[in-house]
Amino acid sequence: MTVAEIQKLIRDVPNFPKPGILFKDITPLLSDAKAFASLVQHLSELIPAHTTRVASIESRGFILGAAVALKRGLGMTLIRKPGKLPYATLSHSYELEYGTDTLQIHVDALNDQDHVCIVDDVLATGGTAAAAETLCLETGATVSGFAFLMELGFLKGRERLKAQSRSLIAL
């Protein structure tokens, strides 16, 4: 399937999770086996060649990151909200439009030999992606890049990231 065909399977849900937000629902895309397989192939092609590991941010990022890691024969690293990882963690708090949030990674999830590509579903303001990048760098790893299903370019999230960012769909 083409990227345009994949994009048609992303459903807009107005006013979710709160008024004024237009949520991009990927569940119709994930439920179509052919489309999901095509998506994984396209995302896999965005991963820099020298990448040794994929990292993903919960929760929709886990679905895409795990599939891409498997396709590329790479290990998978989880970046989660506080209290969800069972071992010692590094934490990074960051600003949201209204308040703050925190992400965590296991202290031994990556090392200075790893070149990690961070995979997620949407790049919006870039706060979450930048926090994930900071955590990966704190482990000693090199961030080889980002791969997103879609990017909301008008929010300029790419400007907050140090590593190269690639997206299948620009909205």
N, C-alpha and C. Protein backbone atom coordinates (compact mmCIF):
# COMPACT_ATOMS: atom_id res chain seq x y z
N MET A 1 0.83 -1.19 0.00
CA MET A 1 0.00 0.00 0.00
C MET A 1 0.88 1.25 0.00
N THR A 2 0.36 2.28 -0.60
CA THR A 2 1.08 3.55 -0.61
C THR A 2 0.85 4.28 0.72
N VAL A 3 1.69 5.27 0.97
CA VAL A 3 1.52 6.09 2.17
C VAL A 3 0.18 6.81 2.12
N ALA A 4 -0.24 7.26 0.94
CA ALA A 4 -1.54 7.92 0.80
C ALA A 4 -2.69 6.98 1.18
N GLU A 5 -2.58 5.73 0.80
CA GLU A 5 -3.62 4.75 1.16
C GLU A 5 -3.61 4.49 2.67
N ILE A 6 -2.43 4.44 3.25
CA ILE A 6 -2.31 4.27 4.70
C ILE A 6 -2.95 5.46 5.42
N GLN A 7 -2.66 6.65 4.93
CA GLN A 7 -3.19 7.87 5.55
C GLN A 7 -4.72 7.89 5.58
N LYS A 8 -5.34 7.35 4.55
CA LYS A 8 -6.81 7.33 4.48
C LYS A 8 -7.41 6.48 5.61
N LEU A 9 -6.63 5.59 6.21
CA LEU A 9 -7.13 4.74 7.29
C LEU A 9 -6.96 5.37 8.68
N ILE A 10 -6.40 6.57 8.74
CA ILE A 10 -6.28 7.28 10.01
C ILE A 10 -7.53 8.12 10.19
N ARG A 11 -8.26 7.84 11.27
CA ARG A 11 -9.55 8.48 11.52
C ARG A 11 -9.38 9.72 12.39
N ASP A 12 -10.03 10.81 11.99
CA ASP A 12 -10.08 12.01 12.82
C ASP A 12 -11.21 11.91 13.82
N VAL A 13 -10.90 12.17 15.09
CA VAL A 13 -11.90 12.16 16.16
C VAL A 13 -11.87 13.55 16.81
N PRO A 14 -12.88 14.39 16.49
CA PRO A 14 -12.89 15.73 17.06
C PRO A 14 -13.14 15.73 18.57
N ASN A 15 -12.54 16.70 19.24
CA ASN A 15 -12.77 16.94 20.67
C ASN A 15 -12.41 15.76 21.57
N PHE A 16 -11.34 15.05 21.19
CA PHE A 16 -10.84 13.96 22.03
C PHE A 16 -9.34 14.15 22.21
N PRO A 17 -8.81 14.06 23.38
CA PRO A 17 -9.44 13.72 24.66
C PRO A 17 -10.10 14.90 25.36
N LYS A 18 -10.01 16.09 24.74
CA LYS A 18 -10.67 17.24 25.34
C LYS A 18 -11.12 18.18 24.21
N PRO A 19 -12.02 19.10 24.50
CA PRO A 19 -12.51 20.01 23.46
C PRO A 19 -11.37 20.77 22.78
N GLY A 20 -11.50 20.88 21.46
CA GLY A 20 -10.51 21.62 20.68
C GLY A 20 -9.41 20.76 20.10
N ILE A 21 -9.29 19.51 20.53
CA ILE A 21 -8.25 18.60 20.03
C ILE A 21 -8.85 17.74 18.91
N LEU A 22 -8.12 17.61 17.80
CA LEU A 22 -8.51 16.69 16.74
C LEU A 22 -7.57 15.49 16.84
N PHE A 23 -8.07 14.39 17.42
CA PHE A 23 -7.27 13.19 17.68
C PHE A 23 -7.14 12.38 16.41
N LYS A 24 -5.93 11.90 16.16
CA LYS A 24 -5.65 11.04 15.01
C LYS A 24 -5.66 9.59 15.47
N ASP A 25 -6.75 8.89 15.16
CA ASP A 25 -6.97 7.51 15.61
C ASP A 25 -6.39 6.53 14.61
N ILE A 26 -5.39 5.76 15.04
CA ILE A 26 -4.74 4.80 14.15
C ILE A 26 -5.32 3.39 14.27
N THR A 27 -6.36 3.20 15.09
CA THR A 27 -6.90 1.84 15.25
C THR A 27 -7.45 1.25 13.95
N PRO A 28 -8.10 2.03 13.06
CA PRO A 28 -8.51 1.42 11.79
C PRO A 28 -7.31 0.94 10.96
N LEU A 29 -6.23 1.67 11.01
CA LEU A 29 -5.01 1.28 10.30
C LEU A 29 -4.42 0.00 10.87
N LEU A 30 -4.38 -0.08 12.20
CA LEU A 30 -3.82 -1.27 12.84
C LEU A 30 -4.68 -2.51 12.63
N SER A 31 -5.98 -2.32 12.45
CA SER A 31 -6.88 -3.47 12.30
C SER A 31 -6.86 -4.06 10.89
N ASP A 32 -6.27 -3.37 9.95
CA ASP A 32 -6.16 -3.84 8.56
C ASP A 32 -4.76 -4.45 8.39
N ALA A 33 -4.69 -5.77 8.32
CA ALA A 33 -3.41 -6.48 8.29
C ALA A 33 -2.51 -6.02 7.15
N LYS A 34 -3.07 -5.85 5.97
CA LYS A 34 -2.27 -5.42 4.82
C LYS A 34 -1.73 -4.00 5.04
N ALA A 35 -2.58 -3.13 5.54
CA ALA A 35 -2.16 -1.75 5.78
C ALA A 35 -1.10 -1.69 6.88
N PHE A 36 -1.30 -2.45 7.94
CA PHE A 36 -0.34 -2.46 9.05
C PHE A 36 1.01 -2.97 8.57
N ALA A 37 1.01 -4.04 7.78
CA ALA A 37 2.26 -4.58 7.24
C ALA A 37 2.96 -3.55 6.35
N SER A 38 2.19 -2.85 5.54
CA SER A 38 2.76 -1.80 4.69
C SER A 38 3.33 -0.67 5.52
N LEU A 39 2.60 -0.28 6.57
CA LEU A 39 3.07 0.77 7.46
C LEU A 39 4.41 0.38 8.08
N VAL A 40 4.51 -0.84 8.57
CA VAL A 40 5.75 -1.30 9.19
C VAL A 40 6.90 -1.27 8.17
N GLN A 41 6.63 -1.67 6.95
CA GLN A 41 7.66 -1.62 5.90
C GLN A 41 8.11 -0.18 5.66
N HIS A 42 7.16 0.73 5.50
CA HIS A 42 7.50 2.14 5.25
C HIS A 42 8.27 2.75 6.43
N LEU A 43 7.82 2.49 7.66
CA LEU A 43 8.51 3.02 8.84
C LEU A 43 9.92 2.44 8.96
N SER A 44 10.05 1.16 8.65
CA SER A 44 11.36 0.50 8.71
C SER A 44 12.37 1.17 7.79
N GLU A 45 11.90 1.70 6.68
CA GLU A 45 12.76 2.37 5.72
C GLU A 45 13.24 3.73 6.22
N LEU A 46 12.60 4.27 7.26
CA LEU A 46 13.01 5.55 7.84
C LEU A 46 14.10 5.40 8.89
N ILE A 47 14.39 4.17 9.30
CA ILE A 47 15.38 3.92 10.35
C ILE A 47 16.78 4.05 9.75
N PRO A 48 17.63 4.91 10.32
CA PRO A 48 19.00 5.04 9.79
C PRO A 48 19.74 3.70 9.80
N ALA A 49 20.56 3.50 8.80
CA ALA A 49 21.24 2.22 8.60
C ALA A 49 22.09 1.79 9.79
N HIS A 50 22.72 2.71 10.48
CA HIS A 50 23.64 2.37 11.57
C HIS A 50 22.94 2.16 12.92
N THR A 51 21.61 2.13 12.92
CA THR A 51 20.84 1.95 14.15
C THR A 51 21.03 0.54 14.71
N THR A 52 21.25 0.45 16.02
CA THR A 52 21.40 -0.85 16.68
C THR A 52 20.21 -1.19 17.58
N ARG A 53 19.34 -0.22 17.85
CA ARG A 53 18.22 -0.44 18.76
C ARG A 53 17.10 0.53 18.42
N VAL A 54 15.88 0.10 18.67
CA VAL A 54 14.69 0.95 18.55
C VAL A 54 14.20 1.26 19.95
N ALA A 55 13.84 2.50 20.20
CA ALA A 55 13.19 2.89 21.46
C ALA A 55 11.83 3.46 21.10
N SER A 56 10.84 3.19 21.93
CA SER A 56 9.50 3.71 21.68
C SER A 56 8.87 4.21 22.96
N ILE A 57 7.97 5.16 22.77
CA ILE A 57 7.29 5.84 23.86
C ILE A 57 5.88 5.27 23.98
N GLU A 58 5.45 5.02 25.23
CA GLU A 58 4.11 4.45 25.38
C GLU A 58 3.05 5.42 24.92
N SER A 59 1.94 4.96 24.50
CA SER A 59 1.60 3.57 24.34
C SER A 59 1.50 3.18 22.88
N ARG A 60 0.99 4.06 22.04
CA ARG A 60 0.88 3.69 20.62
C ARG A 60 2.26 3.52 19.99
N GLY A 61 3.25 4.21 20.50
CA GLY A 61 4.61 4.04 20.00
C GLY A 61 5.12 2.63 20.18
N PHE A 62 4.67 1.94 21.25
CA PHE A 62 5.09 0.56 21.48
C PHE A 62 4.67 -0.35 20.34
N ILE A 63 3.46 -0.15 19.85
CA ILE A 63 2.93 -1.00 18.77
C ILE A 63 3.80 -0.84 17.54
N LEU A 64 4.05 0.40 17.17
CA LEU A 64 4.83 0.66 15.96
C LEU A 64 6.30 0.31 16.15
N GLY A 65 6.86 0.70 17.29
CA GLY A 65 8.27 0.44 17.54
C GLY A 65 8.60 -1.04 17.59
N ALA A 66 7.76 -1.82 18.25
CA ALA A 66 8.01 -3.26 18.34
C ALA A 66 7.96 -3.92 16.97
N ALA A 67 7.00 -3.52 16.15
CA ALA A 67 6.88 -4.10 14.81
C ALA A 67 8.08 -3.72 13.95
N VAL A 68 8.51 -2.47 14.03
CA VAL A 68 9.66 -2.00 13.26
C VAL A 68 10.94 -2.69 13.75
N ALA A 69 11.11 -2.80 15.06
CA ALA A 69 12.29 -3.48 15.60
C ALA A 69 12.36 -4.92 15.10
N LEU A 70 11.24 -5.61 15.14
CA LEU A 70 11.20 -6.99 14.65
C LEU A 70 11.55 -7.05 13.17
N LYS A 71 10.97 -6.15 12.38
CA LYS A 71 11.22 -6.13 10.94
C LYS A 71 12.70 -5.89 10.64
N ARG A 72 13.34 -5.02 11.41
CA ARG A 72 14.74 -4.67 11.19
C ARG A 72 15.73 -5.58 11.93
N GLY A 73 15.22 -6.51 12.75
CA GLY A 73 16.10 -7.40 13.50
C GLY A 73 16.84 -6.69 14.62
N LEU A 74 16.17 -5.72 15.25
CA LEU A 74 16.78 -4.92 16.31
C LEU A 74 16.07 -5.15 17.63
N GLY A 75 16.78 -4.87 18.72
CA GLY A 75 16.16 -4.92 20.04
C GLY A 75 15.26 -3.72 20.25
N MET A 76 14.41 -3.83 21.26
CA MET A 76 13.41 -2.80 21.56
C MET A 76 13.61 -2.28 22.97
N THR A 77 13.59 -0.97 23.14
CA THR A 77 13.71 -0.32 24.44
C THR A 77 12.44 0.46 24.72
N LEU A 78 11.92 0.31 25.95
CA LEU A 78 10.68 0.98 26.34
C LEU A 78 10.95 2.28 27.09
N ILE A 79 10.20 3.31 26.74
CA ILE A 79 10.21 4.58 27.45
C ILE A 79 8.80 4.78 27.95
N ARG A 80 8.67 4.87 29.30
CA ARG A 80 7.34 4.82 29.91
C ARG A 80 7.09 5.95 30.88
N LYS A 81 5.84 6.06 31.29
CA LYS A 81 5.43 6.98 32.34
C LYS A 81 5.97 6.45 33.67
N PRO A 82 6.09 7.29 34.68
CA PRO A 82 6.64 6.87 35.98
C PRO A 82 5.86 5.71 36.61
N GLY A 83 6.64 4.83 37.25
CA GLY A 83 6.05 3.72 37.99
C GLY A 83 5.67 2.51 37.16
N LYS A 84 5.99 2.51 35.87
CA LYS A 84 5.61 1.40 34.98
C LYS A 84 6.75 0.44 34.68
N LEU A 85 7.99 0.85 34.92
CA LEU A 85 9.13 -0.01 34.66
C LEU A 85 9.58 -0.65 35.97
N PRO A 86 9.89 -1.96 35.97
CA PRO A 86 10.13 -2.69 37.22
C PRO A 86 11.53 -2.55 37.81
N TYR A 87 12.47 -1.99 37.09
CA TYR A 87 13.86 -1.94 37.54
C TYR A 87 14.26 -0.48 37.75
N ALA A 88 15.47 -0.23 38.17
CA ALA A 88 15.98 1.14 38.39
C ALA A 88 15.87 1.95 37.10
N THR A 89 15.46 3.21 37.24
CA THR A 89 15.20 4.04 36.07
C THR A 89 15.91 5.39 36.13
N LEU A 90 16.04 5.98 34.96
CA LEU A 90 16.38 7.39 34.80
C LEU A 90 15.07 8.09 34.49
N SER A 91 14.89 9.31 34.98
CA SER A 91 13.66 10.07 34.74
C SER A 91 13.98 11.41 34.11
N HIS A 92 13.04 11.88 33.31
CA HIS A 92 13.16 13.23 32.74
C HIS A 92 11.77 13.86 32.73
N SER A 93 11.64 15.01 33.39
CA SER A 93 10.39 15.76 33.40
C SER A 93 10.47 16.86 32.35
N TYR A 94 9.32 17.18 31.77
CA TYR A 94 9.27 18.18 30.71
C TYR A 94 7.95 18.93 30.77
N GLU A 95 7.96 20.09 30.13
CA GLU A 95 6.79 20.97 30.15
C GLU A 95 5.78 20.56 29.08
N LEU A 96 4.53 20.60 29.48
CA LEU A 96 3.41 20.44 28.56
C LEU A 96 2.73 21.79 28.42
N GLU A 97 1.74 21.85 27.55
CA GLU A 97 1.00 23.11 27.39
C GLU A 97 0.41 23.56 28.72
N TYR A 98 -0.10 22.60 29.50
CA TYR A 98 -0.67 22.90 30.82
C TYR A 98 -0.08 21.96 31.85
N GLY A 99 1.09 22.27 32.39
CA GLY A 99 1.70 21.44 33.42
C GLY A 99 2.96 20.76 32.95
N THR A 100 3.29 19.65 33.63
CA THR A 100 4.49 18.90 33.31
C THR A 100 4.16 17.41 33.22
N ASP A 101 5.07 16.66 32.65
CA ASP A 101 4.96 15.22 32.60
C ASP A 101 6.36 14.65 32.77
N THR A 102 6.44 13.35 32.97
CA THR A 102 7.73 12.68 33.18
C THR A 102 7.76 11.38 32.39
N LEU A 103 8.92 11.06 31.86
CA LEU A 103 9.17 9.78 31.21
C LEU A 103 10.34 9.10 31.92
N GLN A 104 10.38 7.77 31.81
CA GLN A 104 11.46 7.00 32.42
C GLN A 104 11.96 5.93 31.45
N ILE A 105 13.22 5.53 31.69
CA ILE A 105 13.85 4.45 30.95
C ILE A 105 14.69 3.66 31.95
N HIS A 106 14.82 2.36 31.75
CA HIS A 106 15.71 1.58 32.63
C HIS A 106 17.14 2.11 32.51
N VAL A 107 17.83 2.13 33.65
CA VAL A 107 19.20 2.65 33.67
C VAL A 107 20.14 1.86 32.75
N ASP A 108 19.83 0.58 32.54
CA ASP A 108 20.69 -0.27 31.72
C ASP A 108 20.06 -0.61 30.35
N ALA A 109 19.06 0.16 29.94
CA ALA A 109 18.35 -0.13 28.70
C ALA A 109 19.23 0.06 27.47
N LEU A 110 20.13 1.02 27.52
CA LEU A 110 21.02 1.34 26.41
C LEU A 110 22.41 1.60 26.97
N ASN A 111 23.40 1.61 26.08
CA ASN A 111 24.76 1.95 26.52
C ASN A 111 25.47 2.74 25.44
N ASP A 112 26.74 3.05 25.68
CA ASP A 112 27.47 3.92 24.76
C ASP A 112 27.79 3.25 23.42
N GLN A 113 27.47 1.99 23.27
CA GLN A 113 27.65 1.32 21.98
C GLN A 113 26.38 1.37 21.12
N ASP A 114 25.28 1.79 21.72
CA ASP A 114 23.99 1.78 21.02
C ASP A 114 23.77 3.05 20.21
N HIS A 115 23.19 2.84 19.04
CA HIS A 115 22.70 3.91 18.18
C HIS A 115 21.20 3.65 18.06
N VAL A 116 20.42 4.47 18.75
CA VAL A 116 19.00 4.20 18.90
C VAL A 116 18.16 5.14 18.05
N CYS A 117 17.16 4.57 17.39
CA CYS A 117 16.17 5.36 16.67
C CYS A 117 14.88 5.32 17.48
N ILE A 118 14.33 6.48 17.76
CA ILE A 118 13.10 6.58 18.55
C ILE A 118 11.92 6.58 17.58
N VAL A 119 11.01 5.64 17.78
CA VAL A 119 9.84 5.47 16.92
C VAL A 119 8.59 5.81 17.72
N ASP A 120 7.72 6.64 17.12
CA ASP A 120 6.45 6.98 17.76
C ASP A 120 5.41 7.25 16.69
N ASP A 121 4.16 7.38 17.13
CA ASP A 121 3.08 7.57 16.18
C ASP A 121 2.97 9.01 15.68
N VAL A 122 3.07 9.99 16.59
CA VAL A 122 2.85 11.38 16.20
C VAL A 122 3.93 12.29 16.78
N LEU A 123 4.44 13.18 15.95
CA LEU A 123 5.27 14.29 16.42
C LEU A 123 4.38 15.52 16.41
N ALA A 124 4.11 16.06 17.59
CA ALA A 124 3.28 17.26 17.70
C ALA A 124 4.17 18.42 18.15
N THR A 125 4.11 18.80 19.41
CA THR A 125 4.92 19.93 19.91
C THR A 125 6.37 19.53 20.15
N GLY A 126 6.64 18.24 20.21
CA GLY A 126 8.01 17.76 20.37
C GLY A 126 8.46 17.56 21.80
N GLY A 127 7.64 17.91 22.77
CA GLY A 127 8.04 17.78 24.17
C GLY A 127 8.31 16.35 24.59
N THR A 128 7.43 15.46 24.25
CA THR A 128 7.60 14.05 24.61
C THR A 128 8.78 13.44 23.88
N ALA A 129 8.90 13.72 22.59
CA ALA A 129 10.01 13.18 21.80
C ALA A 129 11.35 13.72 22.31
N ALA A 130 11.40 14.99 22.64
CA ALA A 130 12.65 15.58 23.17
C ALA A 130 13.01 14.96 24.51
N ALA A 131 12.01 14.69 25.35
CA ALA A 131 12.27 14.03 26.64
C ALA A 131 12.81 12.62 26.42
N ALA A 132 12.25 11.89 25.46
CA ALA A 132 12.74 10.55 25.14
C ALA A 132 14.18 10.61 24.63
N GLU A 133 14.47 11.60 23.81
CA GLU A 133 15.83 11.77 23.30
C GLU A 133 16.80 12.04 24.44
N THR A 134 16.42 12.91 25.37
CA THR A 134 17.26 13.22 26.53
C THR A 134 17.54 11.96 27.34
N LEU A 135 16.52 11.15 27.59
CA LEU A 135 16.72 9.92 28.35
C LEU A 135 17.69 8.97 27.65
N CYS A 136 17.52 8.80 26.35
CA CYS A 136 18.43 7.91 25.61
C CYS A 136 19.87 8.42 25.69
N LEU A 137 20.04 9.72 25.57
CA LEU A 137 21.38 10.30 25.66
C LEU A 137 21.97 10.12 27.06
N GLU A 138 21.14 10.21 28.09
CA GLU A 138 21.61 10.02 29.47
C GLU A 138 22.12 8.61 29.73
N THR A 139 21.65 7.62 28.96
CA THR A 139 22.16 6.25 29.11
C THR A 139 23.52 6.09 28.48
N GLY A 140 23.96 7.08 27.71
CA GLY A 140 25.22 7.00 26.99
C GLY A 140 25.05 6.67 25.52
N ALA A 141 23.84 6.34 25.10
CA ALA A 141 23.58 5.98 23.71
C ALA A 141 23.64 7.21 22.81
N THR A 142 23.79 6.96 21.53
CA THR A 142 23.68 7.97 20.50
C THR A 142 22.29 7.85 19.89
N VAL A 143 21.60 8.94 19.70
CA VAL A 143 20.28 8.90 19.03
C VAL A 143 20.53 9.07 17.54
N SER A 144 20.28 8.01 16.79
CA SER A 144 20.53 8.02 15.35
C SER A 144 19.43 8.74 14.58
N GLY A 145 18.26 8.89 15.20
CA GLY A 145 17.17 9.60 14.54
C GLY A 145 15.83 9.28 15.17
N PHE A 146 14.81 9.85 14.56
CA PHE A 146 13.42 9.62 14.94
C PHE A 146 12.67 9.16 13.71
N ALA A 147 11.68 8.29 13.91
CA ALA A 147 10.78 7.87 12.84
C ALA A 147 9.35 7.95 13.37
N PHE A 148 8.55 8.80 12.74
CA PHE A 148 7.16 9.01 13.15
C PHE A 148 6.21 8.59 12.03
N LEU A 149 5.07 8.07 12.42
CA LEU A 149 4.02 7.81 11.45
C LEU A 149 3.53 9.13 10.87
N MET A 150 3.24 10.10 11.74
CA MET A 150 2.75 11.39 11.25
C MET A 150 3.33 12.54 12.06
N GLU A 151 3.38 13.69 11.41
CA GLU A 151 3.93 14.89 12.03
C GLU A 151 2.97 16.05 11.81
N LEU A 152 2.65 16.73 12.89
CA LEU A 152 1.82 17.93 12.83
C LEU A 152 2.78 19.11 12.69
N GLY A 153 3.19 19.39 11.47
CA GLY A 153 4.24 20.35 11.19
C GLY A 153 3.98 21.75 11.72
N PHE A 154 2.72 22.15 11.76
CA PHE A 154 2.39 23.51 12.22
C PHE A 154 2.73 23.72 13.69
N LEU A 155 2.94 22.62 14.44
CA LEU A 155 3.31 22.74 15.86
C LEU A 155 4.83 22.83 16.06
N LYS A 156 5.59 22.64 14.98
CA LYS A 156 7.05 22.83 14.97
C LYS A 156 7.82 21.98 15.99
N GLY A 157 7.33 20.78 16.25
CA GLY A 157 8.00 19.89 17.20
C GLY A 157 9.38 19.47 16.77
N ARG A 158 9.61 19.38 15.49
CA ARG A 158 10.91 18.99 14.94
C ARG A 158 12.03 19.91 15.44
N GLU A 159 11.69 21.16 15.66
CA GLU A 159 12.69 22.15 16.09
C GLU A 159 13.24 21.87 17.49
N ARG A 160 12.53 21.06 18.28
CA ARG A 160 12.98 20.75 19.64
C ARG A 160 13.90 19.53 19.69
N LEU A 161 14.08 18.85 18.58
CA LEU A 161 14.84 17.61 18.55
C LEU A 161 16.25 17.85 18.03
N LYS A 162 17.22 17.15 18.63
CA LYS A 162 18.61 17.26 18.20
C LYS A 162 18.89 16.36 17.00
N ALA A 163 18.39 15.13 17.06
CA ALA A 163 18.64 14.15 15.99
C ALA A 163 17.67 14.38 14.82
N GLN A 164 18.05 13.84 13.69
CA GLN A 164 17.21 13.95 12.49
C GLN A 164 15.86 13.27 12.72
N SER A 165 14.82 13.93 12.25
CA SER A 165 13.46 13.41 12.37
C SER A 165 12.89 13.16 10.99
N ARG A 166 12.29 11.96 10.83
CA ARG A 166 11.64 11.62 9.56
C ARG A 166 10.22 11.16 9.87
N SER A 167 9.28 11.56 9.02
CA SER A 167 7.87 11.21 9.21
C SER A 167 7.30 10.71 7.90
N LEU A 168 6.41 9.72 8.00
CA LEU A 168 5.76 9.21 6.78
C LEU A 168 4.73 10.21 6.26
N ILE A 169 3.97 10.79 7.18
CA ILE A 169 2.85 11.65 6.81
C ILE A 169 3.03 13.01 7.46
N ALA A 170 2.97 14.06 6.66
CA ALA A 170 3.03 15.43 7.18
C ALA A 170 1.62 16.00 7.15
N LEU A 171 1.17 16.46 8.32
CA LEU A 171 -0.18 17.04 8.40
C LEU A 171 -0.09 18.51 8.77
